[in-house]
Amino acid sequence: MAQLSDDCFAHGGKLMTVEEALALIGERAERVTGEETVPLDQALGRVLAEDLAAGFAVPAHDNSAVDGYAVFFDDLEPEAETRLPIAGRATAGHPLATPQARGTAVRIFTGAAMPQGPDGTAPDTVMMQEDCRREGDTVVIAPGIKRGSNRRLAGEDIAEGARVLAAGRRLRPQDLGQAAALGRRELRVASRLRVALFSTGDELREPGAPGEAPPAGCLYDSNRHTLGGLLRGLGCAVTDLGILEDREPAVRAALKAAAADHDLLITSGGVSVGEEDHVKTAVEALGRLHAWRLAIKPGRPIALGQVGRVPFVGLPGNPVAVVVTFLHFVRPLILRLAGAAPEPVPGFAVTAAFDHRKKKDRREWVRASLDREDGRLVARKFPRDGAGILSSIVESDGLVELPEDLTRLEAGSTVTFLPFSALMG
């Protein structure tokens, strides 16, 4: 397992911009995972650890794009119908067994290999069956077709020797299909990033019976379950350490034990300067802790550090801030630690259906839902702004991103929308 330097997350500035934070992650976080070989059907979402090159062309042979007749273009009359004898039949998986003679046509079906001809030649054109008429053992072909029509060339999809998938790619369903097309049954991938996840707080409880409210002064721990889902969506192997009691020795012991066999430690809340916030003290006793104050809303504070050489992330306690900071900062950190190539946050332009004021020099993300009006996508702001309102994430489709230089947004303006469907996984 690779080791990170003791001060890889150190930053001495004031409020950091989003770009500065992402640059630090890109520069200082390194891959910490090993490698393993897995069957193709277990590779979805994994990070490819090898360049995948084509050992042969795909398709491996010229083939027909339609049902029709394979002919030599030079045998066709340019201005009149051409009558040719039918010399055989080729179907997908069953090519013509003998060379096709000049001056003949072969009945061919979609996907079938183009026949070979005499002396290294080959028919080069396929006439669609709808544009021909068959008369007994001959076919009558109308004039006007172009040379090479309806023929797919060998290597049209992938040339032999071409790099098809690059190391660092998180594998999607279509990537697995591409690997299968190259004859691969297994792929070399990065080992799953091992993440230890825990919460601290004597006020937290595990969910109880349906309809049962938590005890007075307590609440059910939602952040740990949200984070667990986000981590698994990124292909991480998650160890849920549950809720740790608010005692520094207990927190320190749990952190030390988890660092022995995990690649990343994550918690939410518990890293402020309150006398009951013991995570900060425990992390500093075992390693180092750096607090990043980001010029963002929601989620300004994030704690990054190390327990020994194992990275630690302390996220805010508010549920909305947890989601926002995870998606924009922890997600790229996890991708780096897992050896994955950077994945830009996907966004697209929509029309804002709301007014909004914000501070200059701060990036904000506003929870919103999408509607379609008059053929365009319109973003509607969730009616409540609190960072503790988890239902605002549940009932929204994504985030409207407002840049640092904007101070007033007016309804009807074009804004960038970041969908949860693309960010969460």
Protein backbone atom coordinates (compact mmCIF):
# COMPACT_ATOMS: atom_id res chain seq x y z
CA MET A 1 0.00 0.00 0.00
CA ALA A 2 1.34 3.45 -0.93
CA GLN A 3 2.03 5.95 1.84
CA LEU A 4 1.08 9.62 1.93
CA SER A 5 3.40 12.26 3.35
CA ASP A 6 2.61 13.55 6.83
CA ASP A 7 1.64 17.00 5.60
CA CYS A 8 -0.03 16.17 2.30
CA PHE A 9 -3.19 18.09 3.21
CA ALA A 10 -1.47 21.07 4.83
CA HIS A 11 -2.62 24.50 3.69
CA GLY A 12 -1.68 27.78 5.29
CA GLY A 13 -4.05 30.14 3.54
CA LYS A 14 -7.35 31.73 4.54
CA LEU A 15 -10.58 30.73 2.83
CA MET A 16 -9.77 28.37 -0.01
CA THR A 17 -11.51 28.47 -3.35
CA VAL A 18 -12.99 25.34 -4.86
CA GLU A 19 -10.25 25.28 -7.50
CA GLU A 20 -7.49 25.58 -4.88
CA ALA A 21 -8.91 22.71 -2.84
CA LEU A 22 -9.27 20.46 -5.88
CA ALA A 23 -5.75 21.34 -7.03
CA LEU A 24 -4.34 20.33 -3.64
CA ILE A 25 -6.19 17.02 -3.79
CA GLY A 26 -4.92 16.42 -7.32
CA GLU A 27 -1.33 17.28 -6.41
CA ARG A 28 -0.97 15.60 -3.03
CA ALA A 29 -3.26 12.58 -2.91
CA GLU A 30 -1.80 9.44 -4.44
CA ARG A 31 -3.11 6.00 -5.25
CA VAL A 32 -3.01 3.73 -2.21
CA THR A 33 -4.75 0.62 -3.58
CA GLY A 34 -3.27 -2.62 -4.84
CA GLU A 35 -4.46 -4.63 -7.85
CA GLU A 36 -6.42 -7.79 -8.49
CA THR A 37 -7.87 -9.70 -11.43
CA VAL A 38 -11.65 -10.16 -11.48
CA PRO A 39 -14.13 -11.81 -13.86
CA LEU A 40 -15.79 -9.45 -16.30
CA ASP A 41 -19.15 -9.70 -14.56
CA GLN A 42 -17.58 -8.44 -11.32
CA ALA A 43 -15.74 -5.48 -12.85
CA LEU A 44 -18.59 -2.95 -13.04
CA GLY A 45 -17.63 0.27 -11.27
CA ARG A 46 -14.08 -0.91 -10.62
CA VAL A 47 -11.01 1.10 -11.63
CA LEU A 48 -9.12 -0.43 -14.54
CA ALA A 49 -5.47 -1.04 -13.61
CA GLU A 50 -4.18 -1.83 -17.11
CA ASP A 51 -4.40 -0.31 -20.56
CA LEU A 52 -6.68 -2.48 -22.66
CA ALA A 53 -5.49 -2.83 -26.27
CA ALA A 54 -7.10 -4.64 -29.18
CA GLY A 55 -5.29 -7.83 -30.14
CA PHE A 56 -7.34 -7.98 -33.33
CA ALA A 57 -9.59 -5.74 -35.36
CA VAL A 58 -13.27 -5.36 -34.44
CA PRO A 59 -15.08 -6.45 -36.50
CA ALA A 60 -12.48 -8.97 -37.56
CA HIS A 61 -13.76 -9.15 -41.15
CA ASP A 62 -15.73 -7.09 -43.66
CA ASN A 63 -19.42 -7.81 -43.21
CA SER A 64 -22.81 -6.84 -44.56
CA ALA A 65 -24.78 -4.02 -42.99
CA VAL A 66 -28.08 -5.16 -44.52
CA ASP A 67 -29.95 -8.17 -45.88
CA GLY A 68 -29.34 -8.28 -49.62
CA TYR A 69 -26.86 -9.46 -52.26
CA ALA A 70 -23.04 -9.20 -52.26
CA VAL A 71 -21.67 -8.22 -55.66
CA PHE A 72 -18.54 -6.91 -57.38
CA PHE A 73 -19.28 -3.27 -58.19
CA ASP A 74 -17.39 -3.53 -61.48
CA ASP A 75 -19.85 -6.22 -62.62
CA LEU A 76 -22.80 -3.80 -62.48
CA GLU A 77 -24.20 -1.87 -65.44
CA PRO A 78 -24.00 1.85 -64.60
CA GLU A 79 -27.14 2.88 -66.55
CA ALA A 80 -29.24 -0.27 -66.79
CA GLU A 81 -30.40 -3.24 -64.75
CA THR A 82 -27.89 -6.01 -64.14
CA ARG A 83 -28.89 -9.66 -64.07
CA LEU A 84 -26.55 -11.95 -62.09
CA PRO A 85 -26.75 -15.64 -61.16
CA ILE A 86 -26.98 -16.36 -57.41
CA ALA A 87 -23.87 -18.32 -56.47
CA GLY A 88 -24.55 -19.10 -52.81
CA ARG A 89 -25.76 -17.92 -49.41
CA ALA A 90 -23.92 -16.32 -46.48
CA THR A 91 -25.43 -15.80 -43.03
CA ALA A 92 -24.05 -14.46 -39.75
CA GLY A 93 -21.70 -17.09 -38.38
CA HIS A 94 -21.85 -19.13 -41.58
CA PRO A 95 -19.65 -17.55 -44.27
CA LEU A 96 -19.62 -18.69 -47.90
CA ALA A 97 -17.44 -21.78 -48.03
CA THR A 98 -15.94 -21.15 -51.49
CA PRO A 99 -14.68 -18.03 -53.28
CA GLN A 100 -17.35 -16.00 -55.03
CA ALA A 101 -16.79 -15.91 -58.80
CA ARG A 102 -16.84 -12.68 -60.77
CA GLY A 103 -20.14 -12.00 -62.49
CA THR A 104 -22.20 -13.56 -59.66
CA ALA A 105 -24.20 -12.45 -56.62
CA VAL A 106 -24.34 -14.07 -53.19
CA ARG A 107 -27.41 -13.88 -50.99
CA ILE A 108 -26.14 -12.30 -47.76
CA PHE A 109 -27.65 -11.32 -44.44
CA THR A 110 -26.86 -8.61 -41.88
CA GLY A 111 -23.63 -9.32 -40.01
CA ALA A 112 -22.49 -12.08 -42.35
CA ALA A 113 -18.85 -12.02 -43.46
CA MET A 114 -18.35 -10.69 -46.96
CA PRO A 115 -17.31 -13.56 -49.28
CA GLN A 116 -13.80 -13.85 -50.62
CA GLY A 117 -13.28 -13.69 -54.39
CA PRO A 118 -10.77 -15.22 -56.80
CA ASP A 119 -7.11 -14.21 -56.81
CA GLY A 120 -7.25 -12.07 -53.67
CA THR A 121 -10.23 -10.04 -54.84
CA ALA A 122 -13.55 -9.78 -53.01
CA PRO A 123 -17.05 -8.46 -53.62
CA ASP A 124 -17.14 -4.90 -52.37
CA THR A 125 -20.80 -3.84 -52.48
CA VAL A 126 -24.11 -5.08 -51.03
CA MET A 127 -27.42 -4.34 -52.73
CA MET A 128 -30.36 -4.14 -50.33
CA GLN A 129 -32.95 -6.82 -50.97
CA GLU A 130 -35.65 -4.14 -51.23
CA ASP A 131 -33.86 -2.71 -54.29
CA CYS A 132 -33.58 -6.05 -56.10
CA ARG A 133 -35.94 -8.59 -57.51
CA ARG A 134 -35.28 -12.28 -57.61
CA GLU A 135 -36.18 -14.33 -60.64
CA GLY A 136 -35.50 -18.00 -60.00
CA ASP A 137 -31.74 -18.48 -59.58
CA THR A 138 -30.89 -14.94 -60.67
CA VAL A 139 -31.22 -11.51 -59.13
CA VAL A 140 -31.99 -8.31 -61.02
CA ILE A 141 -30.19 -5.27 -59.65
CA ALA A 142 -31.26 -1.70 -60.37
CA PRO A 143 -28.61 0.86 -61.43
CA GLY A 144 -27.39 3.74 -59.25
CA ILE A 145 -25.74 2.12 -56.24
CA LYS A 146 -22.34 3.45 -55.09
CA ARG A 147 -19.22 1.34 -54.74
CA GLY A 148 -18.85 -0.04 -51.23
CA SER A 149 -22.47 0.58 -50.23
CA ASN A 150 -23.80 -1.39 -47.23
CA ARG A 151 -20.41 -2.98 -46.46
CA ARG A 152 -18.90 -2.66 -42.99
CA LEU A 153 -15.12 -2.74 -43.05
CA ALA A 154 -12.93 -4.84 -40.78
CA GLY A 155 -11.64 -2.66 -37.93
CA GLU A 156 -14.47 -0.16 -38.43
CA ASP A 157 -15.13 -0.25 -34.67
CA ILE A 158 -11.59 -0.84 -33.36
CA ALA A 159 -8.31 -1.09 -35.24
CA GLU A 160 -5.91 -3.87 -34.30
CA GLY A 161 -3.44 -2.64 -31.68
CA ALA A 162 -5.51 0.39 -30.70
CA ARG A 163 -5.79 1.33 -27.01
CA VAL A 164 -9.45 0.87 -26.19
CA LEU A 165 -9.63 1.59 -22.45
CA ALA A 166 -7.01 3.42 -20.41
CA ALA A 167 -5.83 2.49 -16.94
CA GLY A 168 -7.64 4.60 -14.35
CA ARG A 169 -11.04 4.38 -16.00
CA ARG A 170 -14.00 3.50 -13.80
CA LEU A 171 -15.68 0.75 -15.75
CA ARG A 172 -19.21 1.29 -17.07
CA PRO A 173 -21.55 -1.32 -18.57
CA GLN A 174 -20.53 -0.37 -22.11
CA ASP A 175 -16.85 -0.74 -21.16
CA LEU A 176 -17.48 -4.31 -20.07
CA GLY A 177 -19.15 -4.97 -23.42
CA GLN A 178 -16.14 -3.51 -25.20
CA ALA A 179 -13.80 -5.75 -23.22
CA ALA A 180 -15.93 -8.77 -24.09
CA ALA A 181 -15.79 -7.82 -27.77
CA LEU A 182 -12.01 -8.09 -27.47
CA GLY A 183 -12.28 -11.58 -26.05
CA ARG A 184 -11.50 -10.65 -22.44
CA ARG A 185 -13.01 -12.76 -19.66
CA GLU A 186 -11.12 -11.04 -16.85
CA LEU A 187 -9.72 -7.59 -16.19
CA ARG A 188 -6.96 -6.27 -13.97
CA VAL A 189 -8.48 -3.68 -11.64
CA ALA A 190 -7.49 -1.66 -8.60
CA SER A 191 -8.40 -3.24 -5.29
CA ARG A 192 -11.42 -1.66 -3.65
CA LEU A 193 -10.56 1.35 -1.49
CA ARG A 194 -11.11 0.22 2.11
CA VAL A 195 -12.97 2.94 3.99
CA ALA A 196 -13.75 2.97 7.71
CA LEU A 197 -16.85 5.03 8.48
CA PHE A 198 -18.04 6.08 11.90
CA SER A 199 -20.02 8.68 13.81
CA THR A 200 -19.46 10.21 17.22
CA GLY A 201 -21.98 11.83 19.49
CA ASP A 202 -23.86 10.71 22.58
CA GLU A 203 -26.99 12.24 21.04
CA LEU A 204 -26.93 9.80 18.10
CA ARG A 205 -28.93 6.60 18.02
CA GLU A 206 -29.34 3.77 15.54
CA PRO A 207 -32.75 3.78 13.82
CA GLY A 208 -35.41 2.19 16.03
CA ALA A 209 -38.71 0.46 15.40
CA PRO A 210 -41.00 1.91 12.68
CA GLY A 211 -42.73 5.02 13.97
CA GLU A 212 -40.67 5.13 17.16
CA ALA A 213 -39.20 8.56 17.89
CA PRO A 214 -35.67 8.79 19.33
CA PRO A 215 -35.26 9.54 23.06
CA ALA A 216 -35.53 13.14 24.22
CA GLY A 217 -32.53 15.19 23.09
CA CYS A 218 -31.38 12.50 20.65
CA LEU A 219 -31.68 11.87 16.91
CA TYR A 220 -31.18 8.95 14.61
CA ASP A 221 -27.82 8.85 12.83
CA SER A 222 -28.57 9.59 9.17
CA ASN A 223 -25.20 10.89 7.96
CA ARG A 224 -23.43 7.56 8.35
CA HIS A 225 -26.00 5.82 6.19
CA THR A 226 -25.91 8.58 3.56
CA LEU A 227 -22.13 8.41 3.43
CA GLY A 228 -22.14 4.63 3.30
CA GLY A 229 -24.35 4.73 0.23
CA LEU A 230 -22.19 7.35 -1.45
CA LEU A 231 -19.04 5.36 -0.75
CA ARG A 232 -20.45 2.09 -2.05
CA GLY A 233 -21.63 3.93 -5.16
CA LEU A 234 -17.96 4.73 -5.80
CA GLY A 235 -16.99 1.08 -5.45
CA CYS A 236 -15.47 1.37 -1.96
CA ALA A 237 -15.38 -1.49 0.52
CA VAL A 238 -16.99 0.13 3.56
CA THR A 239 -16.55 -0.92 7.18
CA ASP A 240 -19.32 0.60 9.29
CA LEU A 241 -17.87 1.22 12.74
CA GLY A 242 -21.17 2.50 14.07
CA ILE A 243 -21.52 5.26 16.63
CA LEU A 244 -18.57 5.87 18.95
CA GLU A 245 -19.17 7.17 22.44
CA ASP A 246 -18.05 10.70 23.26
CA ARG A 247 -14.85 9.75 25.06
CA GLU A 248 -11.44 10.61 23.66
CA PRO A 249 -9.82 7.28 24.59
CA ALA A 250 -12.61 5.36 22.83
CA VAL A 251 -12.36 7.53 19.73
CA ARG A 252 -8.57 7.27 19.67
CA ALA A 253 -8.63 3.48 20.05
CA ALA A 254 -11.19 3.11 17.24
CA LEU A 255 -9.17 5.35 14.91
CA LYS A 256 -5.93 3.54 15.64
CA ALA A 257 -7.49 0.12 15.04
CA ALA A 258 -9.20 1.22 11.84
CA ALA A 259 -5.99 2.75 10.44
CA ALA A 260 -4.29 -0.64 10.65
CA ASP A 261 -6.35 -2.17 7.83
CA HIS A 262 -8.09 0.65 5.97
CA ASP A 263 -7.07 3.13 3.27
CA LEU A 264 -9.29 6.02 4.38
CA LEU A 265 -11.12 7.08 7.57
CA ILE A 266 -14.27 9.21 7.39
CA THR A 267 -16.58 10.72 9.97
CA SER A 268 -19.10 13.54 10.10
CA GLY A 269 -19.25 16.09 12.91
CA GLY A 270 -17.15 16.01 16.04
CA VAL A 271 -14.13 17.96 14.80
CA SER A 272 -14.91 21.42 16.12
CA VAL A 273 -13.31 22.99 19.21
CA GLY A 274 -16.08 22.11 21.66
CA GLU A 275 -15.02 20.31 24.83
CA GLU A 276 -17.15 17.30 23.83
CA ASP A 277 -15.70 17.09 20.30
CA HIS A 278 -13.02 14.46 20.78
CA VAL A 279 -12.24 13.49 17.18
CA LYS A 280 -9.87 16.42 16.66
CA THR A 281 -7.87 15.56 19.78
CA ALA A 282 -7.75 11.87 18.91
CA VAL A 283 -6.56 12.47 15.34
CA GLU A 284 -3.84 14.88 16.50
CA ALA A 285 -2.65 12.34 19.08
CA LEU A 286 -2.24 9.74 16.33
CA GLY A 287 -1.11 11.93 13.46
CA ARG A 288 -1.96 15.35 12.09
CA LEU A 289 -5.14 17.28 11.36
CA HIS A 290 -5.54 20.21 8.95
CA ALA A 291 -8.77 22.20 8.84
CA TRP A 292 -9.74 23.54 5.43
CA ARG A 293 -11.98 26.60 5.50
CA LEU A 294 -13.57 26.75 2.08
CA ALA A 295 -15.25 29.70 0.39
CA ILE A 296 -18.44 27.72 -0.19
CA LYS A 297 -21.99 27.35 1.06
CA PRO A 298 -23.08 25.00 2.49
CA GLY A 299 -20.21 23.16 4.17
CA ARG A 300 -17.39 25.64 4.78
CA PRO A 301 -15.26 23.55 7.21
CA ILE A 302 -13.69 20.21 6.26
CA ALA A 303 -11.05 18.49 8.38
CA LEU A 304 -8.37 16.56 6.50
CA GLY A 305 -5.51 14.82 8.12
CA GLN A 306 -3.85 11.49 8.73
CA VAL A 307 -3.85 8.80 11.36
CA GLY A 308 -0.30 7.64 10.87
CA ARG A 309 -0.14 7.65 7.06
CA VAL A 310 -3.83 6.82 6.52
CA PRO A 311 -5.91 9.78 5.27
CA PHE A 312 -8.68 11.06 7.54
CA VAL A 313 -11.66 13.21 6.51
CA GLY A 314 -13.93 14.89 9.03
CA LEU A 315 -17.05 16.22 7.35
CA PRO A 316 -19.53 18.78 8.71
CA GLY A 317 -22.38 17.49 10.84
CA ASN A 318 -25.28 19.01 8.92
CA PRO A 319 -26.77 16.49 6.44
CA VAL A 320 -26.87 18.85 3.46
CA ALA A 321 -23.31 20.05 4.07
CA VAL A 322 -22.21 16.41 4.32
CA VAL A 323 -23.63 15.62 0.87
CA VAL A 324 -22.32 18.79 -0.79
CA THR A 325 -18.79 18.51 0.57
CA PHE A 326 -18.62 14.79 -0.15
CA LEU A 327 -19.68 15.22 -3.78
CA HIS A 328 -17.31 18.09 -4.53
CA PHE A 329 -14.24 17.27 -2.44
CA VAL A 330 -14.30 13.78 -0.94
CA ARG A 331 -15.42 12.18 -4.19
CA PRO A 332 -12.34 13.42 -6.14
CA LEU A 333 -10.12 12.47 -3.19
CA ILE A 334 -11.49 8.92 -3.24
CA LEU A 335 -10.98 8.68 -6.99
CA ARG A 336 -7.33 9.73 -6.55
CA LEU A 337 -6.72 7.27 -3.72
CA ALA A 338 -8.30 4.48 -5.78
CA GLY A 339 -6.14 5.24 -8.82
CA ALA A 340 -9.03 6.50 -10.93
CA ALA A 341 -8.68 9.20 -13.55
CA PRO A 342 -10.27 12.56 -12.63
CA GLU A 343 -13.97 12.79 -13.41
CA PRO A 344 -15.25 16.33 -13.98
CA VAL A 345 -18.49 17.19 -12.22
CA PRO A 346 -21.14 16.92 -14.95
CA GLY A 347 -23.40 19.92 -15.41
CA PHE A 348 -25.73 21.42 -17.99
CA ALA A 349 -27.48 24.72 -18.56
CA VAL A 350 -31.03 25.29 -17.31
CA THR A 351 -33.22 28.30 -16.63
CA ALA A 352 -33.55 29.47 -13.01
CA ALA A 353 -37.14 29.91 -11.83
CA PHE A 354 -36.09 31.78 -8.69
CA ASP A 355 -34.32 34.90 -7.43
CA HIS A 356 -31.37 34.50 -5.09
CA ARG A 357 -28.82 36.72 -3.33
CA LYS A 358 -25.39 35.54 -2.25
CA LYS A 359 -22.06 36.84 -0.99
CA LYS A 360 -19.34 37.71 -3.45
CA ASP A 361 -16.24 35.47 -3.59
CA ARG A 362 -18.17 32.45 -2.35
CA ARG A 363 -19.45 29.54 -4.42
CA GLU A 364 -22.90 28.31 -3.51
CA TRP A 365 -24.92 25.26 -4.39
CA VAL A 366 -28.68 25.62 -4.22
CA ARG A 367 -30.92 22.56 -4.00
CA ALA A 368 -33.40 22.48 -6.85
CA SER A 369 -35.82 20.33 -8.82
CA LEU A 370 -36.22 20.29 -12.60
CA ASP A 371 -39.39 20.90 -14.59
CA ARG A 372 -39.89 21.18 -18.32
CA GLU A 373 -41.68 24.31 -19.53
CA ASP A 374 -42.13 25.34 -23.16
CA GLY A 375 -39.48 22.85 -24.26
CA ARG A 376 -36.81 24.02 -21.81
CA LEU A 377 -35.58 22.75 -18.45
CA VAL A 378 -36.38 25.00 -15.49
CA ALA A 379 -34.81 24.73 -12.02
CA ARG A 380 -37.06 25.40 -9.02
CA LYS A 381 -35.38 26.13 -5.69
CA PHE A 382 -36.30 24.02 -2.67
CA PRO A 383 -38.39 26.32 -0.45
CA ARG A 384 -36.22 25.95 2.69
CA ASP A 385 -32.49 26.72 2.92
CA GLY A 386 -31.31 25.07 6.15
CA ALA A 387 -28.21 22.87 5.94
CA GLY A 388 -29.85 20.45 8.37
CA ILE A 389 -32.85 19.73 6.14
CA LEU A 390 -32.09 16.30 4.70
CA SER A 391 -35.47 16.21 2.95
CA SER A 392 -34.20 19.02 0.72
CA ILE A 393 -31.73 16.54 -0.80
CA VAL A 394 -34.33 13.78 -1.01
CA GLU A 395 -36.89 16.00 -2.74
CA SER A 396 -34.47 17.75 -5.13
CA ASP A 397 -32.99 16.57 -8.41
CA GLY A 398 -29.61 18.22 -7.97
CA LEU A 399 -27.73 21.43 -7.27
CA VAL A 400 -27.70 24.79 -9.02
CA GLU A 401 -24.11 26.05 -8.94
CA LEU A 402 -23.64 29.79 -8.42
CA PRO A 403 -20.11 31.12 -9.12
CA GLU A 404 -18.03 33.34 -6.87
CA ASP A 405 -18.50 36.55 -8.85
CA LEU A 406 -22.31 36.35 -8.80
CA THR A 407 -24.13 38.30 -6.07
CA ARG A 408 -27.68 38.43 -7.41
CA LEU A 409 -29.49 35.81 -9.46
CA GLU A 410 -32.71 36.76 -11.20
CA ALA A 411 -35.39 34.38 -12.37
CA GLY A 412 -34.99 33.66 -16.08
CA SER A 413 -31.19 33.57 -15.91
CA THR A 414 -29.23 30.64 -17.26
CA VAL A 415 -27.48 28.62 -14.57
CA THR A 416 -25.47 25.39 -14.32
CA PHE A 417 -27.33 22.39 -12.91
CA LEU A 418 -25.50 19.41 -11.38
CA PRO A 419 -27.77 16.34 -11.25
CA PHE A 420 -27.57 13.98 -8.29
CA SER A 421 -28.07 11.09 -10.70
CA ALA A 422 -24.64 11.78 -12.23
CA LEU A 423 -22.85 12.80 -9.03
CA MET A 424 -23.85 9.92 -6.76
CA GLY A 425 -21.88 7.04 -8.20
